[in-house]
Every structure is written in structure tokens, then in C-alpha cells.
N, C-alpha and C. Protein backbone atom coordinates (compact mmCIF):
# COMPACT_ATOMS: atom_id res chain seq x y z
N MET A 1 47.05 7.10 51.26
CA MET A 1 46.63 6.26 52.27
C MET A 1 44.94 5.97 52.23
N GLU A 2 45.24 4.47 52.38
CA GLU A 2 43.39 4.39 51.52
C GLU A 2 42.73 4.63 53.10
N GLU A 3 41.35 5.45 53.13
CA GLU A 3 40.49 6.05 54.51
C GLU A 3 39.83 5.01 55.05
N PHE A 4 40.08 5.09 56.29
CA PHE A 4 39.38 4.08 56.99
C PHE A 4 37.99 3.77 57.13
N ASN A 5 37.27 2.75 56.66
CA ASN A 5 35.85 2.57 56.67
C ASN A 5 35.47 2.09 57.87
N ARG A 6 34.81 2.90 58.72
CA ARG A 6 34.45 2.64 60.27
C ARG A 6 33.03 1.34 60.09
N LYS A 7 32.08 1.95 59.39
CA LYS A 7 30.98 1.08 58.90
C LYS A 7 31.48 -0.83 58.39
N ALA A 8 32.51 -0.73 57.61
CA ALA A 8 32.82 -1.85 57.06
C ALA A 8 33.35 -2.42 58.24
N HIS A 9 34.60 -1.84 58.78
CA HIS A 9 35.23 -2.72 59.87
C HIS A 9 34.10 -3.04 60.99
N TRP A 10 32.96 -2.29 61.40
CA TRP A 10 32.38 -2.70 62.53
C TRP A 10 30.71 -3.88 62.14
N GLU A 11 30.95 -3.59 60.81
CA GLU A 11 29.72 -4.79 60.28
C GLU A 11 30.81 -6.29 60.10
N ASN A 12 32.07 -6.22 59.80
CA ASN A 12 33.01 -7.37 59.92
C ASN A 12 32.96 -8.28 61.41
N VAL A 13 33.08 -7.21 62.53
CA VAL A 13 33.10 -7.84 63.88
C VAL A 13 32.46 -8.10 64.16
N TYR A 14 30.95 -7.92 64.05
CA TYR A 14 29.61 -8.24 64.66
C TYR A 14 29.19 -9.72 63.89
N THR A 15 30.18 -9.46 62.73
CA THR A 15 29.56 -10.40 61.75
C THR A 15 30.43 -11.93 62.35
N THR A 16 31.34 -11.56 62.77
CA THR A 16 32.67 -12.65 62.67
C THR A 16 33.16 -12.83 64.36
N LYS A 17 32.41 -12.34 65.20
CA LYS A 17 32.77 -12.22 66.90
C LYS A 17 31.85 -12.29 67.30
N GLU A 18 31.59 -13.40 68.52
CA GLU A 18 30.19 -13.63 69.42
C GLU A 18 30.17 -12.50 70.23
N LEU A 19 29.31 -11.65 70.52
CA LEU A 19 28.79 -11.13 72.17
C LEU A 19 29.74 -11.60 73.18
N THR A 20 29.73 -12.92 73.53
CA THR A 20 31.27 -13.26 74.72
C THR A 20 32.03 -13.43 74.03
N ASN A 21 32.87 -12.85 72.96
CA ASN A 21 33.93 -12.92 72.78
C ASN A 21 34.91 -11.57 72.47
N VAL A 22 33.93 -10.27 72.75
CA VAL A 22 34.56 -9.25 72.35
C VAL A 22 35.03 -8.61 73.78
N SER A 23 35.97 -7.55 73.86
CA SER A 23 36.44 -7.21 75.05
C SER A 23 35.32 -6.21 75.43
N TRP A 24 34.65 -5.73 74.98
CA TRP A 24 33.39 -4.90 75.83
C TRP A 24 31.93 -5.53 76.31
N TYR A 25 31.83 -6.99 76.12
CA TYR A 25 31.32 -7.72 76.85
C TYR A 25 31.19 -7.42 78.04
N GLN A 26 29.68 -7.09 78.61
CA GLN A 26 29.41 -6.75 79.83
C GLN A 26 27.80 -7.36 80.21
N PRO A 27 27.77 -8.66 80.97
CA PRO A 27 26.11 -8.66 80.89
C PRO A 27 25.38 -7.96 81.67
N VAL A 28 26.03 -7.12 82.89
CA VAL A 28 25.50 -6.04 83.77
C VAL A 28 25.82 -5.04 83.12
N PRO A 29 25.64 -3.79 82.89
CA PRO A 29 26.10 -3.24 82.53
C PRO A 29 26.30 -2.00 83.85
N GLU A 30 27.15 -2.37 85.35
CA GLU A 30 26.21 -1.64 86.61
C GLU A 30 27.06 -0.24 86.37
N THR A 31 28.11 0.47 85.88
CA THR A 31 27.90 1.94 86.25
C THR A 31 27.09 2.73 85.24
N SER A 32 26.55 1.78 84.38
CA SER A 32 26.00 2.54 83.56
C SER A 32 24.62 2.74 83.73
N LEU A 33 24.10 1.63 84.75
CA LEU A 33 22.69 1.86 85.59
C LEU A 33 22.83 3.03 86.86
N GLU A 34 24.31 3.00 87.57
CA GLU A 34 24.50 3.55 88.49
C GLU A 34 23.86 5.39 87.94
N PHE A 35 24.52 5.55 87.17
CA PHE A 35 24.60 7.28 86.58
C PHE A 35 22.90 6.99 86.03
N LEU A 36 22.19 5.92 85.42
CA LEU A 36 20.96 6.21 85.37
C LEU A 36 19.90 6.14 86.43
N GLU A 37 20.40 5.24 87.73
CA GLU A 37 19.37 5.58 88.94
C GLU A 37 20.04 6.97 89.20
N GLN A 38 21.16 7.75 89.24
CA GLN A 38 21.54 8.72 89.45
C GLN A 38 20.39 10.16 89.16
N SER A 39 20.28 9.79 88.12
CA SER A 39 19.14 10.88 87.06
C SER A 39 17.62 10.95 87.77
N ASN A 40 17.75 9.58 88.06
CA ASN A 40 16.00 9.65 88.70
C ASN A 40 15.40 10.17 88.05
N LEU A 41 15.54 9.46 86.61
CA LEU A 41 13.84 9.89 85.36
C LEU A 41 12.62 9.26 85.55
N PRO A 42 12.23 9.75 85.13
CA PRO A 42 10.78 8.61 84.87
C PRO A 42 10.82 7.84 84.11
N PHE A 43 9.74 6.81 84.06
CA PHE A 43 10.16 6.09 83.30
C PHE A 43 9.53 6.19 81.86
N THR A 44 9.05 7.21 82.01
CA THR A 44 8.65 7.66 79.93
C THR A 44 9.74 8.98 79.83
N ALA A 45 11.11 8.92 80.37
CA ALA A 45 11.96 9.65 79.52
C ALA A 45 12.53 9.02 78.16
N LYS A 46 13.06 9.80 77.61
CA LYS A 46 13.44 9.54 76.12
C LYS A 46 15.09 9.12 76.65
N ILE A 47 15.56 8.25 76.46
CA ILE A 47 17.01 7.48 76.65
C ILE A 47 17.28 6.70 75.13
N ILE A 48 18.40 7.23 74.86
CA ILE A 48 19.06 6.75 73.57
C ILE A 48 20.58 6.05 74.20
N ASP A 49 20.98 4.95 73.92
CA ASP A 49 21.94 4.58 73.67
C ASP A 49 23.08 4.60 72.73
N VAL A 50 24.05 5.41 72.87
CA VAL A 50 24.75 5.48 71.22
C VAL A 50 25.88 5.01 71.22
N GLY A 51 26.15 3.56 70.05
CA GLY A 51 27.02 2.86 69.94
C GLY A 51 26.88 1.61 70.93
N GLY A 52 25.26 1.05 71.00
CA GLY A 52 24.80 0.16 72.10
C GLY A 52 24.90 -0.79 71.73
N GLY A 53 24.95 -1.05 70.06
CA GLY A 53 25.35 -2.70 69.50
C GLY A 53 24.33 -3.94 69.60
N ASP A 54 25.18 -4.87 70.34
CA ASP A 54 23.74 -6.10 71.06
C ASP A 54 24.29 -5.91 72.26
N SER A 55 24.81 -4.80 72.87
CA SER A 55 24.80 -5.04 74.28
C SER A 55 23.70 -4.91 74.95
N TYR A 56 23.80 -4.97 76.65
CA TYR A 56 22.83 -5.33 77.27
C TYR A 56 22.01 -4.42 78.06
N LEU A 57 22.25 -3.11 77.66
CA LEU A 57 21.47 -2.08 78.55
C LEU A 57 20.39 -2.11 78.41
N ALA A 58 19.85 -1.97 77.32
CA ALA A 58 18.59 -1.48 76.55
C ALA A 58 17.55 -3.08 76.88
N ASP A 59 18.17 -4.29 77.36
CA ASP A 59 17.39 -5.64 78.38
C ASP A 59 17.12 -4.97 79.32
N HIS A 60 18.34 -4.55 80.19
CA HIS A 60 17.87 -3.56 81.95
C HIS A 60 16.89 -2.56 81.78
N LEU A 61 17.14 -1.85 80.77
CA LEU A 61 16.05 -0.48 80.68
C LEU A 61 14.85 -1.55 80.71
N LEU A 62 14.20 -1.84 79.82
CA LEU A 62 13.23 -3.13 79.62
C LEU A 62 12.66 -3.22 81.22
N GLU A 63 13.89 -4.22 81.35
CA GLU A 63 13.22 -5.21 82.81
C GLU A 63 13.15 -3.93 83.83
N LEU A 64 13.86 -2.66 84.37
CA LEU A 64 13.72 -2.01 85.25
C LEU A 64 12.09 -1.23 84.70
N GLY A 65 11.51 -0.88 83.48
CA GLY A 65 10.43 -0.02 83.15
C GLY A 65 10.26 1.18 82.11
N TYR A 66 11.49 1.72 81.32
CA TYR A 66 11.44 2.34 80.71
C TYR A 66 10.78 1.67 79.27
N THR A 67 9.97 3.01 79.14
CA THR A 67 9.34 2.67 77.68
C THR A 67 9.34 3.65 76.60
N ASP A 68 10.71 4.36 76.37
CA ASP A 68 10.88 5.22 75.65
C ASP A 68 12.54 4.82 75.03
N ILE A 69 12.79 3.86 74.41
CA ILE A 69 14.28 3.62 74.68
C ILE A 69 14.69 3.25 73.15
N THR A 70 15.91 3.98 72.64
CA THR A 70 16.63 4.31 71.64
C THR A 70 17.82 3.19 71.42
N VAL A 71 18.19 2.54 70.80
CA VAL A 71 19.69 2.13 70.38
C VAL A 71 20.29 2.25 68.56
N LEU A 72 20.96 3.19 69.39
CA LEU A 72 21.76 3.47 67.51
C LEU A 72 23.26 3.00 67.34
N ASP A 73 23.52 2.39 66.47
CA ASP A 73 24.71 1.79 66.22
C ASP A 73 25.25 2.04 64.39
N ILE A 74 26.72 1.90 64.39
CA ILE A 74 27.10 1.89 62.74
C ILE A 74 26.74 0.55 61.94
N SER A 75 26.63 -0.62 63.03
CA SER A 75 26.16 -1.69 62.54
C SER A 75 25.33 -2.27 62.83
N GLU A 76 24.75 -2.43 61.50
CA GLU A 76 22.98 -2.91 61.01
C GLU A 76 23.48 -4.47 62.04
N HIS A 77 24.11 -5.01 61.57
CA HIS A 77 24.22 -6.68 62.04
C HIS A 77 24.56 -6.85 63.65
N ALA A 78 25.06 -5.57 64.47
CA ALA A 78 24.99 -5.22 65.72
C ALA A 78 23.93 -5.68 66.08
N LEU A 79 22.59 -4.38 65.54
CA LEU A 79 21.21 -4.15 66.01
C LEU A 79 20.40 -5.38 65.47
N GLU A 80 20.88 -5.85 64.51
CA GLU A 80 19.98 -7.34 64.16
C GLU A 80 20.02 -8.52 65.19
N ARG A 81 21.35 -8.65 65.82
CA ARG A 81 21.76 -9.77 66.81
C ARG A 81 20.70 -9.15 68.22
N ALA A 82 20.84 -7.91 68.34
CA ALA A 82 20.34 -7.40 69.63
C ALA A 82 18.87 -7.58 69.41
N LYS A 83 18.05 -7.42 68.52
CA LYS A 83 17.00 -7.51 68.07
C LYS A 83 16.26 -9.10 68.21
N ALA A 84 17.51 -10.18 67.61
CA ALA A 84 17.17 -11.91 67.79
C ALA A 84 17.07 -12.07 69.32
N ARG A 85 17.95 -11.09 69.95
CA ARG A 85 17.98 -11.72 71.39
C ARG A 85 16.92 -11.49 72.21
N LEU A 86 16.36 -10.13 71.82
CA LEU A 86 14.90 -9.86 72.62
C LEU A 86 13.82 -10.42 71.84
N GLY A 87 13.96 -10.92 71.17
CA GLY A 87 12.59 -11.39 70.37
C GLY A 87 11.59 -10.62 70.21
N ASP A 88 10.22 -10.89 70.86
CA ASP A 88 9.29 -10.40 71.11
C ASP A 88 9.14 -8.31 71.53
N LYS A 89 10.59 -8.61 72.36
CA LYS A 89 10.55 -7.26 73.53
C LYS A 89 11.42 -6.33 72.00
N ALA A 90 11.63 -6.70 71.04
CA ALA A 90 12.58 -6.07 69.84
C ALA A 90 11.81 -4.75 70.04
N ALA A 91 10.30 -5.20 69.44
CA ALA A 91 9.41 -4.43 68.93
C ALA A 91 9.13 -3.19 69.99
N LEU A 92 9.42 -2.94 71.26
CA LEU A 92 9.59 -2.29 72.34
C LEU A 92 10.84 -0.82 72.13
N ILE A 93 11.53 -1.41 71.31
CA ILE A 93 12.76 -0.04 71.37
C ILE A 93 12.82 0.43 69.51
N LYS A 94 13.40 1.55 69.78
CA LYS A 94 13.81 1.97 68.09
C LYS A 94 15.52 2.00 68.14
N TRP A 95 15.39 1.60 66.61
CA TRP A 95 16.59 1.05 66.44
C TRP A 95 17.03 1.56 65.39
N ILE A 96 18.08 2.70 65.47
CA ILE A 96 18.66 3.29 64.46
C ILE A 96 20.28 2.59 63.92
N VAL A 97 20.21 2.62 62.72
CA VAL A 97 21.82 2.50 62.24
C VAL A 97 22.31 3.68 61.51
N SER A 98 23.12 4.10 62.22
CA SER A 98 23.98 5.47 61.82
C SER A 98 25.29 5.39 62.48
N ASP A 99 26.12 6.23 61.64
CA ASP A 99 27.12 6.83 62.56
C ASP A 99 27.05 7.74 63.41
N ALA A 100 27.60 7.63 64.30
CA ALA A 100 26.87 8.77 65.80
C ALA A 100 27.52 10.40 65.09
N CYS A 101 28.87 10.19 64.11
CA CYS A 101 28.99 11.77 64.06
C CYS A 101 28.00 12.34 62.69
N ALA A 102 27.20 11.57 62.33
CA ALA A 102 25.91 11.98 60.93
C ALA A 102 25.16 11.75 62.00
N PHE A 103 24.66 11.54 62.78
CA PHE A 103 22.97 11.29 63.20
C PHE A 103 22.33 12.59 63.22
N VAL A 104 21.81 12.82 62.96
CA VAL A 104 20.30 13.81 62.54
C VAL A 104 19.29 13.33 63.65
N PRO A 105 19.35 14.03 64.73
CA PRO A 105 18.69 13.03 65.61
C PRO A 105 17.00 14.00 65.65
N SER A 106 15.90 13.05 65.49
CA SER A 106 14.27 13.78 65.20
C SER A 106 13.81 13.97 66.60
N GLU A 107 14.95 13.53 67.58
CA GLU A 107 14.28 14.01 68.65
C GLU A 107 15.00 14.77 70.20
N SER A 108 14.31 14.91 70.68
CA SER A 108 15.37 15.55 72.17
C SER A 108 15.36 14.48 73.57
N TYR A 109 16.70 14.18 73.34
CA TYR A 109 16.73 13.22 74.61
C TYR A 109 16.90 13.32 75.91
N ASP A 110 16.40 13.02 76.92
CA ASP A 110 16.63 13.10 78.39
C ASP A 110 17.87 12.42 78.84
N PHE A 111 17.99 11.35 78.24
CA PHE A 111 19.48 10.39 78.83
C PHE A 111 19.95 9.98 77.53
N TRP A 112 21.29 10.52 77.48
CA TRP A 112 22.37 10.45 76.12
C TRP A 112 23.19 9.35 76.75
N HIS A 113 23.58 8.00 75.98
CA HIS A 113 24.35 7.19 76.89
C HIS A 113 25.29 6.59 75.78
N ASP A 114 26.76 6.75 76.23
CA ASP A 114 27.79 6.40 75.39
C ASP A 114 28.95 5.76 76.13
N ARG A 115 28.99 4.39 76.21
CA ARG A 115 30.14 3.57 76.68
C ARG A 115 31.08 3.50 75.68
N ALA A 116 30.56 3.51 74.32
CA ALA A 116 31.06 2.84 73.29
C ALA A 116 31.65 3.36 71.84
N VAL A 117 31.73 4.98 71.95
CA VAL A 117 31.58 5.70 70.86
C VAL A 117 33.03 6.57 70.72
N PHE A 118 32.88 7.35 71.69
CA PHE A 118 33.48 9.08 71.82
C PHE A 118 34.98 8.26 71.53
N HIS A 119 35.35 7.58 72.69
CA HIS A 119 37.04 7.29 72.15
C HIS A 119 37.75 7.10 70.94
N PHE A 120 36.57 6.49 70.05
CA PHE A 120 36.97 5.66 68.87
C PHE A 120 37.35 7.09 67.78
N LEU A 121 36.73 8.42 68.16
CA LEU A 121 36.73 9.33 67.79
C LEU A 121 37.94 10.26 67.73
N THR A 122 39.34 9.90 67.14
CA THR A 122 40.44 10.55 67.17
C THR A 122 40.67 11.89 66.64
N ASN A 123 40.06 12.34 65.52
CA ASN A 123 40.76 13.39 64.87
C ASN A 123 39.23 14.73 65.47
N GLU A 124 40.19 15.78 65.30
CA GLU A 124 39.69 16.96 65.65
C GLU A 124 37.76 17.05 64.70
N LYS A 125 37.95 16.92 63.48
CA LYS A 125 36.78 16.70 62.96
C LYS A 125 35.72 15.82 63.15
N GLU A 126 35.92 14.52 63.57
CA GLU A 126 35.22 13.69 63.76
C GLU A 126 34.78 14.21 65.32
N ILE A 127 35.31 14.52 66.75
CA ILE A 127 34.92 14.98 67.59
C ILE A 127 34.16 16.08 67.70
N GLU A 128 34.31 17.53 66.63
CA GLU A 128 33.48 18.32 66.69
C GLU A 128 32.36 17.73 65.90
N ALA A 129 31.86 17.06 65.13
CA ALA A 129 30.80 16.81 64.86
C ALA A 129 29.63 16.48 65.92
N TYR A 130 30.73 15.24 66.35
CA TYR A 130 29.81 14.69 67.56
C TYR A 130 29.47 15.61 68.68
N LEU A 131 30.10 16.51 69.02
CA LEU A 131 29.69 17.21 69.76
C LEU A 131 28.42 18.35 69.39
N GLN A 132 28.72 18.33 68.06
CA GLN A 132 27.54 19.19 67.34
C GLN A 132 25.98 18.16 67.36
N VAL A 133 26.20 16.80 67.63
CA VAL A 133 25.24 16.00 67.53
C VAL A 133 24.61 16.08 69.01
N LEU A 134 25.71 15.40 69.76
CA LEU A 134 25.07 15.63 71.38
C LEU A 134 24.20 17.32 71.78
N SER A 135 24.68 18.50 71.24
CA SER A 135 23.89 19.45 71.74
C SER A 135 22.63 19.52 70.90
N GLN A 136 22.40 19.29 69.90
CA GLN A 136 21.23 19.13 69.22
C GLN A 136 20.35 18.08 69.76
N GLY A 137 21.16 16.95 70.10
CA GLY A 137 20.36 15.71 70.53
C GLY A 137 19.86 15.20 71.73
N ILE A 138 20.66 16.73 72.61
CA ILE A 138 19.70 16.20 74.37
C ILE A 138 19.16 17.37 74.70
N LYS A 139 17.89 17.51 75.69
CA LYS A 139 17.28 18.48 75.58
C LYS A 139 17.89 19.36 76.80
N ALA A 140 17.50 20.54 76.73
CA ALA A 140 18.11 21.25 77.85
C ALA A 140 17.82 20.76 79.39
N GLY A 141 18.70 20.58 80.56
CA GLY A 141 18.47 19.68 81.67
C GLY A 141 18.45 18.45 81.49
N GLY A 142 18.55 17.79 80.28
CA GLY A 142 18.90 16.23 79.85
C GLY A 142 20.35 16.20 80.43
N THR A 143 20.13 14.65 80.61
CA THR A 143 21.83 13.81 81.25
C THR A 143 22.33 13.25 79.87
N LEU A 144 23.96 13.51 80.13
CA LEU A 144 24.90 12.85 79.26
C LEU A 144 25.65 12.38 80.11
N VAL A 145 25.64 10.86 79.80
CA VAL A 145 26.71 10.05 80.10
C VAL A 145 27.96 9.58 79.10
N LEU A 146 29.28 10.03 79.49
CA LEU A 146 30.29 9.15 78.39
C LEU A 146 31.30 8.27 79.07
N GLY A 147 31.79 7.28 78.60
CA GLY A 147 32.32 6.40 79.28
C GLY A 147 33.80 6.18 78.17
N THR A 148 34.91 6.29 78.79
CA THR A 148 36.16 6.31 77.39
C THR A 148 37.04 5.47 78.27
N PHE A 149 37.87 5.24 77.34
CA PHE A 149 39.28 4.76 78.33
C PHE A 149 40.09 5.34 79.00
N SER A 150 40.69 5.47 79.99
CA SER A 150 41.27 6.37 80.47
C SER A 150 42.73 6.81 80.14
N GLU A 151 43.26 7.52 80.97
CA GLU A 151 45.10 7.59 80.37
C GLU A 151 45.96 6.51 81.09
N ASP A 152 44.67 5.27 81.75
CA ASP A 152 45.57 4.32 82.54
C ASP A 152 44.64 2.91 81.53
N GLY A 153 44.09 3.00 80.68
CA GLY A 153 43.65 2.37 79.86
C GLY A 153 44.25 1.85 78.58
N PRO A 154 43.53 1.14 77.84
CA PRO A 154 44.04 0.52 76.74
C PRO A 154 44.37 1.80 75.51
N THR A 155 45.32 1.76 74.31
CA THR A 155 45.96 2.45 73.42
C THR A 155 44.98 2.40 72.47
N LYS A 156 44.28 0.85 72.47
CA LYS A 156 43.32 0.44 71.26
C LYS A 156 42.38 -0.26 71.37
N CYS A 157 41.34 -0.21 70.74
CA CYS A 157 40.51 -1.44 70.93
C CYS A 157 39.87 -1.89 69.68
N SER A 158 39.81 -3.39 69.53
CA SER A 158 39.08 -3.92 68.33
C SER A 158 40.35 -3.42 66.96
N GLY A 159 41.39 -3.76 67.51
CA GLY A 159 42.42 -2.78 66.23
C GLY A 159 42.52 -1.77 66.26
N ILE A 160 41.73 -1.04 66.42
CA ILE A 160 41.61 0.67 66.34
C ILE A 160 42.51 1.57 67.19
N LEU A 161 43.15 2.37 67.01
CA LEU A 161 43.50 3.58 68.26
C LEU A 161 42.16 4.03 68.62
N ILE A 162 42.71 4.52 70.02
CA ILE A 162 41.45 5.08 70.30
C ILE A 162 42.26 6.48 70.98
N LYS A 163 41.17 7.13 71.59
CA LYS A 163 41.64 8.75 72.27
C LYS A 163 41.20 8.25 73.85
N GLN A 164 42.15 8.61 74.73
CA GLN A 164 42.35 8.33 76.04
C GLN A 164 41.81 9.49 76.54
N TYR A 165 40.82 9.70 77.51
CA TYR A 165 40.47 10.67 78.37
C TYR A 165 40.93 10.98 79.70
N THR A 166 41.41 12.09 80.47
CA THR A 166 40.90 12.35 81.88
C THR A 166 39.49 12.76 81.93
N GLU A 167 39.42 12.91 83.41
CA GLU A 167 38.31 13.46 83.90
C GLU A 167 38.33 15.22 83.37
N LYS A 168 39.82 15.55 83.59
CA LYS A 168 40.11 17.02 83.33
C LYS A 168 39.71 17.63 81.89
N SER A 169 39.74 16.24 81.01
CA SER A 169 40.07 16.45 79.58
C SER A 169 39.03 16.34 79.17
N MET A 170 37.95 15.98 79.37
CA MET A 170 36.56 15.36 79.49
C MET A 170 36.08 16.54 79.25
N ILE A 171 35.94 17.24 80.89
CA ILE A 171 35.28 18.08 81.37
C ILE A 171 35.21 19.54 80.49
N GLU A 172 36.71 19.61 80.30
CA GLU A 172 36.70 20.63 79.68
C GLU A 172 36.22 20.67 78.03
N LEU A 173 36.79 19.77 77.51
CA LEU A 173 35.89 19.90 75.85
C LEU A 173 34.40 19.90 76.09
N LEU A 174 33.52 19.67 77.18
CA LEU A 174 32.38 19.87 76.65
C LEU A 174 31.57 20.82 77.84
N LYS A 175 32.45 21.73 78.46
CA LYS A 175 32.16 23.05 79.15
C LYS A 175 31.43 24.02 78.07
N PRO A 176 31.39 23.95 77.13
CA PRO A 176 30.72 24.57 76.35
C PRO A 176 28.91 24.68 76.44
N ASP A 177 28.79 23.37 76.32
CA ASP A 177 27.04 23.13 76.23
C ASP A 177 27.08 22.19 77.42
N PHE A 178 27.65 21.71 78.57
CA PHE A 178 27.38 20.95 79.25
C PHE A 178 27.70 21.37 80.96
N GLU A 179 27.51 20.98 82.24
CA GLU A 179 27.94 21.39 83.42
C GLU A 179 27.91 19.97 83.76
N ASN A 180 29.54 19.46 84.27
CA ASN A 180 29.69 18.15 84.95
C ASN A 180 29.18 18.35 86.03
N LEU A 181 28.45 17.16 86.43
CA LEU A 181 27.54 16.41 87.49
C LEU A 181 28.77 15.52 88.34
N SER A 182 29.19 14.35 87.28
CA SER A 182 30.34 13.76 88.36
C SER A 182 31.27 12.94 87.53
N CYS A 183 32.10 12.73 88.23
CA CYS A 183 33.05 11.38 87.35
C CYS A 183 33.47 10.53 88.37
N LEU A 184 33.75 8.89 87.39
CA LEU A 184 34.30 7.94 88.07
C LEU A 184 35.22 7.42 87.32
N ARG A 185 36.19 6.47 87.84
CA ARG A 185 36.98 5.84 87.08
C ARG A 185 36.33 4.36 87.21
N ALA A 186 36.47 3.36 86.92
CA ALA A 186 35.45 2.02 86.86
C ALA A 186 36.62 1.15 85.83
N ASP A 187 37.36 -0.24 86.52
CA ASP A 187 37.78 -0.83 85.84
C ASP A 187 36.73 -1.95 85.23
N HIS A 188 36.83 -2.63 84.07
CA HIS A 188 36.33 -3.20 83.17
C HIS A 188 36.90 -4.81 83.02
N PRO A 189 36.44 -5.75 83.48
CA PRO A 189 36.75 -7.21 83.39
C PRO A 189 36.63 -7.61 82.03
N THR A 190 37.25 -8.33 81.48
CA THR A 190 36.96 -8.55 79.98
C THR A 190 36.92 -9.96 80.24
N PRO A 191 36.39 -10.38 78.80
CA PRO A 191 36.48 -12.01 79.04
C PRO A 191 37.77 -12.86 78.45
N PHE A 192 38.72 -12.23 78.15
CA PHE A 192 40.05 -12.70 78.39
C PHE A 192 41.06 -12.49 79.49
N ASN A 193 40.68 -12.27 80.44
CA ASN A 193 40.82 -12.04 81.66
C ASN A 193 41.89 -11.20 81.94
N THR A 194 41.67 -9.98 81.61
CA THR A 194 42.38 -8.47 81.52
C THR A 194 41.50 -8.01 81.50
N VAL A 195 42.20 -6.34 82.27
CA VAL A 195 40.99 -5.62 83.10
C VAL A 195 41.61 -3.72 82.43
N GLN A 196 40.16 -3.42 81.52
CA GLN A 196 40.44 -2.12 81.12
C GLN A 196 39.95 -0.72 82.10
N ASN A 197 40.55 -0.02 82.20
CA ASN A 197 40.16 1.11 82.96
C ASN A 197 39.54 2.14 82.26
N PHE A 198 38.40 2.48 82.37
CA PHE A 198 37.73 3.23 81.69
C PHE A 198 37.48 4.65 83.06
N VAL A 199 36.71 5.81 82.41
CA VAL A 199 36.57 7.37 82.98
C VAL A 199 35.22 7.35 82.37
N PHE A 200 34.20 8.10 83.45
CA PHE A 200 32.88 7.80 83.26
C PHE A 200 32.43 9.01 83.76
N CYS A 201 31.96 10.06 82.95
CA CYS A 201 31.45 11.26 83.51
C CYS A 201 29.83 11.48 83.24
N SER A 202 29.27 12.24 83.99
CA SER A 202 27.72 12.65 83.91
C SER A 202 27.84 14.41 83.83
N PHE A 203 26.29 14.75 82.78
CA PHE A 203 26.80 16.11 82.53
C PHE A 203 25.32 16.09 82.55
N LEU A 204 25.67 17.87 82.49
CA LEU A 204 23.95 18.17 82.69
C LEU A 204 24.00 19.42 81.44
N LYS A 205 22.98 18.97 80.57
CA LYS A 205 22.97 19.54 79.02
C LYS A 205 22.54 21.30 79.87
N ARG A 206 23.25 22.10 79.78
CA ARG A 206 23.18 23.66 79.79
C ARG A 206 21.78 24.44 79.14
N GLU A 207 20.70 25.05 80.08
CA GLU A 207 19.86 25.92 79.44
C GLU A 207 20.03 26.92 78.23
């Protein structure tokens, strides 16, 4: 069986589909911004949006006054689209093209946001690799926010099987290195008049 080429898949998605024509389109990422507000971070905090693609979170972070923003995505085309949208403001953001599972952080982040990657990791090897990246990339006392499809959400996204999570299963998986702060369920209305149920959890990186 031919091995799935994740990068090729996402480059194709971002080459062929407009931002407003993908299920994850969200002009105002309200839930993510609420978790950010709860973290009470200084504007100089190091923030990374993993799997950020050409989403609008970076735009809102700039508008709020944050000055150390990184966006990582496996798709170079997605990041180029985001840069084009932001224009001159794109220079205020660090852009990284990388598979999240293979990312080697050169910095320690205060706030790690992932609404797009974790539920696409469906085998133990990938999950373990990403957990190692999280452990390396988030500073002690830093915040991790993970959003995934819940057990009431879709089983596929962009034609790919995903792994659903509950609050309990996510907390159990992360408890060796992270203390759970809060979890919530959120319904995401897609551009196609459907609703996807997410579970979001925030964590504190243990000392």
C-alpha cells in the first residue's frame, strides 16, 4: 500500500480551494481567542499557531498587539496565501514550513495553539513524535491549547480519517507533562451549513 503523503495532500488542498471554501474557515476564532485571554499573557509572549495555514488567528493576534508570533504549517502554499493577505504586516510574523511531528523548535513558547493538527495524527508513532515536540517546544509554565474533533464530531476531514478525542482521553494522554486547566465543547459552523463539534482543552506545562 502506498504511504500517504501528507505534505502533498495539503499543498493540493491549498492550491485548489479558496479559504472560504474549506470546512475549517473561521473569520473570528472566538474559542481560541478566549483561551488566549484566559492565559493573561504579556504582549511580548512567544505564541505559535501550529497548523495555522492561512487562518485568521495571526491577524487577530497582531490586532490585539502581540509582537512575537509564529505560524507553522506543512503547506508552504497556505503560508504564502496568509502572507499575501497580511501584506506588509506579514513581516511581523515568523513563518515556518514543517510537518509538526518533525518540527525541531529553536525557541520555547509561552502559548502553543493547535486547532488543526492533532486529530490528523492517527497512529501511535505520529502521536508520540508530536508529544515529544510539545514537550520540547513549550516552556515550563507555558500554555498548550488543543482543539480536536470530539466523539460527536466528524470522523473525516478533507477526505482523511481523523482521531476523535474526549476531554478525558486528551487529559490522560497529556498528563505526564501537562496539567489540565480547562476543557470545553464548541460547535463550529462550516461554510457548507453543517456543524462540527470540537473539544478544546488547555494545559499548563509542568515544571
